Protein backbone atom coordinates (compact mmCIF):
# COMPACT_ATOMS: atom_id res chain seq x y z
CA MET A 1 -101.29 -10.12 47.65
CA ASN A 2 -101.43 -13.84 48.73
CA PHE A 3 -98.06 -15.62 47.27
CA ASP A 4 -99.63 -19.29 47.51
CA LEU A 5 -98.91 -21.76 45.05
CA SER A 6 -101.31 -24.79 43.90
CA ALA A 7 -99.98 -28.32 44.41
CA GLU A 8 -99.19 -27.85 40.20
CA GLN A 9 -97.35 -24.38 40.68
CA GLU A 10 -95.24 -26.34 43.92
CA GLN A 11 -94.36 -29.18 41.48
CA ILE A 12 -92.89 -26.56 38.48
CA ARG A 13 -90.78 -24.48 40.64
CA ASP A 14 -88.99 -28.17 42.81
CA SER A 15 -88.30 -29.55 39.14
CA VAL A 16 -86.92 -26.56 37.92
CA ARG A 17 -84.96 -25.87 41.01
CA ARG A 18 -83.71 -29.05 40.33
CA PHE A 19 -82.98 -28.58 36.91
CA ALA A 20 -81.07 -25.34 38.13
CA ALA A 21 -78.77 -26.80 40.17
CA ASN A 22 -78.02 -29.46 38.08
CA ALA A 23 -76.34 -27.17 35.79
CA ASP A 24 -72.59 -26.85 34.60
CA ARG A 25 -71.87 -23.13 34.60
CA ARG A 26 -68.42 -23.35 33.65
CA GLY A 27 -68.60 -26.30 31.34
CA LEU A 28 -71.45 -24.78 29.34
CA ARG A 29 -69.89 -21.76 29.15
CA SER A 30 -66.90 -23.05 27.48
CA ALA A 31 -68.77 -25.06 25.29
CA GLU A 32 -69.11 -24.36 21.96
CA GLY A 33 -71.48 -21.84 21.46
CA GLY A 34 -71.60 -20.82 24.95
CA TYR A 35 -74.25 -23.68 25.71
CA SER A 36 -75.27 -27.25 24.84
CA LEU A 37 -77.78 -28.01 22.70
CA ASP A 38 -78.09 -31.53 24.48
CA ARG A 39 -79.08 -29.41 28.10
CA TRP A 40 -81.61 -27.62 26.13
CA ARG A 41 -83.63 -30.36 24.51
CA GLU A 42 -83.54 -31.29 28.38
CA LEU A 43 -85.14 -28.20 28.78
CA ALA A 44 -87.82 -28.78 26.47
CA GLY A 45 -88.32 -32.44 27.69
CA LEU A 46 -89.91 -30.65 31.10
CA GLY A 47 -92.14 -28.87 29.14
CA LEU A 48 -90.78 -25.47 30.08
CA LEU A 49 -90.56 -24.10 26.44
CA ALA A 50 -93.94 -25.53 25.74
CA LEU A 51 -95.63 -23.88 29.05
CA ALA A 52 -95.00 -20.82 27.21
CA VAL A 53 -97.30 -21.31 24.16
CA PRO A 54 -101.21 -21.83 24.46
CA GLU A 55 -102.97 -24.72 24.17
CA SER A 56 -104.12 -23.84 20.90
CA ALA A 57 -101.06 -23.22 19.00
CA GLY A 58 -99.65 -27.04 20.12
CA GLY A 59 -98.89 -26.08 23.53
CA MET A 60 -98.89 -26.58 27.56
CA GLY A 61 -100.62 -23.14 27.98
CA GLY A 62 -99.22 -21.82 31.03
CA SER A 63 -100.39 -18.65 32.68
CA PRO A 64 -98.44 -15.36 32.77
CA ILE A 65 -98.27 -16.39 36.81
CA ASP A 66 -96.41 -19.78 35.30
CA LEU A 67 -93.96 -18.41 33.40
CA ALA A 68 -92.68 -15.64 35.89
CA LEU A 69 -92.47 -18.13 38.89
CA VAL A 70 -90.12 -20.68 36.53
CA ALA A 71 -88.34 -17.36 35.76
CA GLU A 72 -87.88 -16.32 39.32
CA THR A 73 -87.17 -19.85 39.61
CA LEU A 74 -83.94 -19.75 37.16
CA GLY A 75 -83.04 -16.96 38.19
CA HIS A 76 -82.56 -17.62 41.86
CA GLY A 77 -80.51 -20.60 40.87
CA ILE A 78 -78.47 -18.46 38.61
CA ALA A 79 -79.68 -20.80 35.42
CA PRO A 80 -77.24 -20.38 32.33
CA ASP A 81 -80.20 -21.32 30.42
CA PRO A 82 -81.29 -19.06 27.66
CA TRP A 83 -84.96 -20.16 28.58
CA LEU A 84 -86.54 -16.50 27.71
CA GLU A 85 -83.93 -15.40 24.94
CA ASN A 86 -83.85 -18.50 23.04
CA GLY A 87 -87.00 -20.01 24.18
CA VAL A 88 -90.25 -18.07 25.05
CA LEU A 89 -89.39 -14.95 23.48
CA PRO A 90 -89.37 -17.27 19.86
CA ALA A 91 -91.93 -19.64 20.93
CA LEU A 92 -94.04 -16.63 21.63
CA LEU A 93 -93.48 -14.76 17.99
CA LEU A 94 -94.17 -18.14 16.31
CA ALA A 95 -97.49 -18.87 17.98
CA ALA A 96 -98.72 -15.22 17.62
CA ALA A 97 -97.75 -15.94 13.91
CA GLY A 98 -99.69 -19.22 13.76
CA ARG A 99 -96.80 -21.50 12.74
CA GLU A 100 -97.69 -24.81 14.42
CA ASP A 101 -95.27 -26.43 12.26
CA LEU A 102 -92.17 -24.40 13.66
CA VAL A 103 -93.64 -23.90 17.14
CA GLU A 104 -93.57 -27.67 17.20
CA SER A 105 -90.15 -27.41 16.63
CA ALA A 106 -89.11 -24.87 18.78
CA VAL A 107 -91.08 -26.29 21.86
CA SER A 108 -89.81 -29.88 21.44
CA GLY A 109 -86.47 -28.52 21.63
CA ASP A 110 -85.54 -29.71 18.21
CA THR A 111 -84.50 -26.24 16.64
CA PHE A 112 -83.05 -23.74 18.59
CA PHE A 113 -84.11 -20.07 17.34
CA ALA A 114 -82.65 -16.97 17.77
CA PHE A 115 -84.57 -13.71 17.46
CA ALA A 116 -82.44 -10.68 15.26
CA PHE A 117 -84.10 -7.54 16.27
CA ALA A 118 -81.13 -4.55 17.35
CA GLU A 119 -79.94 -2.69 15.45
CA ARG A 120 -76.63 -0.19 16.10
CA ALA A 121 -77.50 3.03 16.81
CA ARG A 122 -81.07 2.41 16.80
CA ARG A 123 -81.01 1.72 20.70
CA PHE A 124 -84.17 -0.08 21.44
CA SER A 125 -86.23 0.33 18.69
CA LEU A 126 -87.96 -2.44 17.19
CA ALA A 127 -88.80 0.01 13.88
CA PRO A 128 -85.90 -1.57 11.63
CA ARG A 129 -83.84 0.23 9.09
CA ALA A 130 -80.77 -1.78 9.04
CA VAL A 131 -82.25 -4.83 7.30
CA VAL A 132 -84.39 -4.42 4.33
CA ILE A 133 -86.34 -6.91 2.04
CA GLU A 134 -85.88 -5.99 -1.28
CA PRO A 135 -86.98 -8.01 -4.07
CA ALA A 136 -84.85 -10.30 -6.39
CA GLY A 137 -86.29 -12.26 -9.20
CA GLY A 138 -88.92 -14.26 -8.49
CA GLY A 139 -88.91 -13.63 -4.74
CA ASP A 140 -86.91 -11.52 -1.88
CA GLU A 141 -84.01 -11.35 -0.41
CA LEU A 142 -82.80 -9.82 2.98
CA ARG A 143 -79.71 -7.42 3.20
CA GLY A 144 -78.18 -5.37 6.02
CA GLU A 145 -76.89 -5.80 9.35
CA LYS A 146 -77.99 -7.08 12.84
CA THR A 147 -76.55 -6.97 16.20
CA PHE A 148 -76.66 -8.55 19.91
CA VAL A 149 -78.23 -11.79 18.28
CA SER A 150 -78.31 -13.65 21.37
CA GLY A 151 -77.80 -17.33 20.61
CA ALA A 152 -77.19 -17.20 17.21
CA PRO A 153 -73.31 -19.20 17.11
CA LEU A 154 -76.48 -22.43 18.22
CA ALA A 155 -79.50 -21.01 15.82
CA GLY A 156 -80.41 -23.81 13.48
CA GLN A 157 -83.36 -20.97 12.41
CA LEU A 158 -83.16 -17.29 12.56
CA LEU A 159 -86.44 -14.87 12.87
CA VAL A 160 -85.12 -11.32 11.47
CA LEU A 161 -87.09 -8.14 12.26
CA ALA A 162 -86.70 -6.24 8.61
CA ASP A 163 -88.03 -3.54 6.69
CA ARG A 164 -90.12 -4.39 3.63
CA LYS A 165 -90.79 -0.98 2.33
CA GLY A 166 -91.60 1.01 5.87
CA VAL A 167 -93.33 -1.86 7.30
CA PRO A 168 -91.59 -3.91 10.11
CA THR A 169 -91.50 -7.54 9.15
CA ILE A 170 -90.35 -10.41 11.02
CA VAL A 171 -88.97 -13.41 8.58
CA THR A 172 -87.65 -16.80 9.21
CA VAL A 173 -84.38 -17.32 7.54
CA PRO A 174 -82.06 -20.97 8.46
CA ALA A 175 -78.92 -19.84 10.10
CA ASP A 176 -76.50 -21.78 7.73
CA SER A 177 -78.07 -19.87 4.38
CA ALA A 178 -75.74 -18.29 1.80
CA GLY A 179 -74.70 -14.67 2.61
CA ILE A 180 -74.85 -14.71 6.23
CA VAL A 181 -71.80 -13.47 7.98
CA HIS A 182 -71.09 -14.21 11.80
CA HIS A 183 -69.44 -12.31 14.08
CA ARG A 184 -69.75 -13.43 17.77
CA TYR A 185 -68.50 -12.01 20.79
CA ARG A 186 -69.13 -13.17 24.29
CA LEU A 187 -71.79 -10.71 26.43
CA VAL A 188 -71.69 -9.96 29.99
CA ASP A 189 -73.25 -13.02 31.46
CA GLY A 190 -70.74 -15.40 29.66
CA SER A 191 -73.20 -16.57 27.22
CA ILE A 192 -72.28 -15.89 23.19
CA ALA A 193 -73.69 -13.80 20.97
CA SER A 194 -73.47 -12.26 17.19
CA GLU A 195 -73.44 -9.50 14.74
CA LEU A 196 -74.92 -10.60 11.73
CA ARG A 197 -74.56 -9.21 7.95
CA PHE A 198 -76.84 -10.56 5.41
CA ASN A 199 -75.70 -10.21 1.75
CA ARG A 200 -78.18 -10.42 -0.39
CA VAL A 201 -79.81 -14.02 2.09
CA PRO A 202 -83.08 -15.62 -0.30
CA LEU A 203 -86.10 -15.82 1.21
CA ALA A 204 -88.20 -18.32 0.93
CA SER A 205 -92.03 -18.27 0.40
CA ASP A 206 -92.75 -18.75 3.37
CA ALA A 207 -90.82 -16.62 5.06
CA ASP A 208 -93.04 -13.98 6.79
CA LEU A 209 -94.65 -14.56 9.94
CA ALA A 210 -97.95 -12.49 9.53
CA ILE A 211 -97.87 -10.77 13.44
CA ASP A 212 -100.12 -8.13 14.70
CA PRO A 213 -98.41 -5.41 15.49
CA VAL A 214 -100.96 -5.60 18.79
CA ALA A 215 -99.93 -8.92 19.56
CA LEU A 216 -96.22 -8.03 18.77
CA THR A 217 -96.75 -5.85 21.67
CA GLY A 218 -98.17 -7.97 23.74
CA VAL A 219 -95.01 -10.45 23.41
CA VAL A 220 -92.52 -7.86 23.84
CA ALA A 221 -94.58 -7.06 27.49
CA LEU A 222 -94.55 -10.33 28.52
CA VAL A 223 -90.75 -10.93 27.74
CA ARG A 224 -90.06 -7.92 30.15
CA LEU A 225 -92.53 -9.12 32.93
CA LEU A 226 -90.87 -12.38 32.57
CA ALA A 227 -86.81 -10.41 32.34
CA ALA A 228 -88.18 -8.82 35.25
CA ALA A 229 -89.75 -12.28 37.42
CA GLU A 230 -86.10 -13.43 36.34
CA MET A 231 -84.01 -10.68 37.90
CA LEU A 232 -86.32 -10.70 40.67
CA GLY A 233 -85.12 -14.35 41.41
CA LEU A 234 -81.11 -12.92 41.00
CA ALA A 235 -81.90 -10.50 43.77
CA GLN A 236 -82.95 -12.43 46.53
CA ARG A 237 -80.49 -14.64 45.34
CA LEU A 238 -78.29 -12.40 46.16
CA PHE A 239 -79.57 -11.29 49.08
CA ASP A 240 -80.07 -14.73 50.49
CA ASP A 241 -76.16 -14.86 50.25
CA THR A 242 -75.42 -12.19 51.57
CA ILE A 243 -77.30 -12.36 54.62
CA ALA A 244 -75.66 -15.74 55.02
CA TYR A 245 -72.38 -14.15 54.18
CA VAL A 246 -72.23 -11.18 56.70
CA LYS A 247 -73.36 -13.38 59.41
CA THR A 248 -70.18 -15.45 59.21
CA ARG A 249 -67.83 -12.50 58.06
CA GLU A 250 -65.97 -10.97 61.26
CA GLN A 251 -64.74 -7.70 61.77
CA PHE A 252 -62.76 -6.56 64.62
CA GLY A 253 -64.02 -10.01 66.64
CA VAL A 254 -67.60 -9.79 65.55
CA ALA A 255 -69.73 -10.68 62.69
CA ILE A 256 -70.25 -8.01 60.08
CA GLY A 257 -73.86 -8.25 59.94
CA SER A 258 -74.19 -6.90 63.83
CA PHE A 259 -73.09 -3.70 62.51
CA GLN A 260 -76.29 -1.31 62.71
CA ALA A 261 -75.45 0.38 59.30
CA LEU A 262 -75.42 -2.94 57.18
CA GLN A 263 -78.29 -4.03 58.93
CA HIS A 264 -80.38 -1.06 57.59
CA ARG A 265 -79.33 -1.44 54.44
CA LEU A 266 -80.11 -5.10 54.45
CA VAL A 267 -83.32 -4.13 55.48
CA GLU A 268 -83.84 -1.92 52.83
CA CYS A 269 -82.86 -4.51 50.37
CA TYR A 270 -85.55 -6.50 51.85
CA ALA A 271 -88.22 -4.00 51.39
CA ALA A 272 -87.35 -3.66 48.06
CA LEU A 273 -87.38 -7.39 46.90
CA GLU A 274 -91.33 -8.09 48.73
CA GLN A 275 -92.26 -4.50 46.65
CA GLY A 276 -90.94 -6.16 43.30
CA ARG A 277 -91.98 -9.97 44.06
CA SER A 278 -95.94 -7.82 45.03
CA MET A 279 -95.64 -5.82 41.25
CA VAL A 280 -94.86 -8.81 39.39
CA TYR A 281 -97.39 -11.24 40.33
CA ARG A 282 -99.91 -8.47 40.44
CA VAL A 283 -98.79 -7.51 36.63
CA ALA A 284 -99.02 -11.00 35.64
CA LEU A 285 -102.55 -11.40 36.54
CA GLN A 286 -103.16 -8.24 34.94
CA ALA A 287 -101.87 -9.78 31.54
CA GLY A 288 -104.46 -9.35 28.45
CA GLY A 289 -105.72 -6.09 29.87
CA ALA A 290 -105.83 -2.34 28.11
CA ASP A 291 -103.42 -1.25 30.78
CA TRP A 292 -101.38 -4.49 30.09
CA PRO A 293 -98.07 -3.48 28.54
CA ARG A 294 -97.61 -0.10 30.54
CA ALA A 295 -97.95 -1.93 33.86
CA ALA A 296 -95.24 -4.36 32.17
CA ALA A 297 -93.06 -1.86 31.74
CA GLY A 298 -93.26 -0.27 34.73
CA ALA A 299 -92.39 -3.62 36.50
CA LYS A 300 -89.34 -4.34 34.85
CA ALA A 301 -88.34 -0.40 35.14
CA TYR A 302 -88.79 -1.24 39.20
CA VAL A 303 -87.52 -4.02 39.30
CA GLY A 304 -84.49 -3.91 37.36
CA ALA A 305 -83.42 -0.68 39.18
CA GLN A 306 -84.12 -2.74 42.58
CA ALA A 307 -82.14 -5.99 41.36
CA ASP A 308 -78.95 -3.45 40.49
CA ARG A 309 -78.91 -1.77 43.71
CA ILE A 310 -78.82 -5.09 45.92
CA ALA A 311 -76.56 -6.36 42.85
CA ARG A 312 -73.97 -3.32 44.10
CA GLU A 313 -75.02 -4.05 47.85
CA ALA A 314 -74.11 -7.46 47.99
CA VAL A 315 -71.02 -7.17 46.03
CA GLN A 316 -70.15 -4.37 48.01
CA MET A 317 -70.40 -6.51 51.12
CA HIS A 318 -68.39 -8.98 50.04
CA GLY A 319 -65.46 -6.88 48.97
CA GLY A 320 -63.70 -7.24 45.75
CA MET A 321 -64.15 -11.28 45.53
CA GLY A 322 -68.20 -10.14 44.78
CA VAL A 323 -66.83 -9.55 41.05
CA THR A 324 -65.37 -12.85 40.54
CA ASP A 325 -65.89 -16.09 39.07
CA GLU A 326 -65.72 -18.11 42.26
CA LEU A 327 -68.56 -16.73 43.77
CA ALA A 328 -72.19 -17.19 42.55
CA ILE A 329 -72.97 -13.20 43.24
CA GLY A 330 -70.46 -12.13 40.64
CA HIS A 331 -72.13 -14.26 37.86
CA ALA A 332 -75.83 -13.37 39.26
CA LEU A 333 -74.55 -9.32 38.83
CA LYS A 334 -73.29 -10.02 35.30
CA ARG A 335 -77.07 -11.39 34.51
CA VAL A 336 -78.78 -8.59 36.05
CA LEU A 337 -77.05 -6.41 33.75
CA LEU A 338 -78.25 -8.29 31.03
CA LEU A 339 -81.58 -8.55 31.67
CA ASN A 340 -82.06 -4.49 32.77
CA ARG A 341 -81.11 -4.16 29.44
CA LEU A 342 -83.25 -6.39 27.31
CA PHE A 343 -86.12 -4.49 25.30
CA GLY A 344 -85.29 -1.14 26.89
CA ASP A 345 -83.01 0.18 29.64
CA GLU A 346 -84.72 1.78 32.59
CA ASP A 347 -84.72 5.03 31.01
CA THR A 348 -86.44 3.57 27.62
CA VAL A 349 -88.96 1.53 29.38
CA LEU A 350 -90.04 4.60 31.91
CA THR A 351 -90.40 6.69 28.99
CA GLU A 352 -92.66 4.19 27.08
CA TYR A 353 -94.51 4.22 30.60
CA ALA A 354 -95.25 7.88 30.84
CA GLU A 355 -95.84 8.19 27.72
CA ALA A 356 -99.07 5.12 27.95
CA ALA A 357 -100.47 7.10 30.52
């Protein structure tokens, strides 16, 4: 494939690269909620959230290739920003529901959204069972529990996937609503998520997001592809840092990069990177096609497996310090572990890929 970028895409990449390089990871992770809303508004000011939303819904109408380029660049910079989980994903859901009022609030960075979809003992299923919508008085209320709600401690609005009489429904809920109980915990990449308990939380009359099931499938497919793109960037950074390290680290008076066994392993990593990049951008070109969700699942499965492999090779070649917070590769490894399980681990997405064949 031709990987040459347009002048506009090069500008996007350079802008994202500078933004990622300017992050104070340690400071952001120690802040309340594990991140800074000031930095979030700065990210929104660059147009990186609006890029995910069609122009018809009030966004900038970036293509899947544009979004994959942003994800890959953020990955290469090991950026601590939850651009995918709390930016692109909620914006796509709100745009699919035609809620332009909420889209505007999301892409401007004025409101931080969190999507509550995961449930205990449900693995990666998007068929809710533990949270239900029930009638109460003249309206509806929300009851049940969600887990792995990334960014919930900072959220102003929650998007909750719940069951209404057997039909999966996404509803908007103010995060400070009475009856919501938070239990915060830190994820492997250092960010903070919550387990949420909804104790008869009242819903507004316009809380429902009317999202067609086909549209929801498309949103999940795009998020999977962007997770693969970010893992691709992370894997490239892991590879680059390891190449630099083996050229300077000496054993027996010579650089370990001169050892043929390590050279063979690094060549295999390079080949996997090139194949992964070709796969990600080829699938991005197919976005919207009939086979698009299946192709996105396949790309995530392959890139996730290879990024995990490259991360482990990088750590092994660096030695024990490779898993510490002192080196960038430790942070990259942890982010790969999280993204590899977002909307399905390798076994889950490969099963979906096979079933759709």
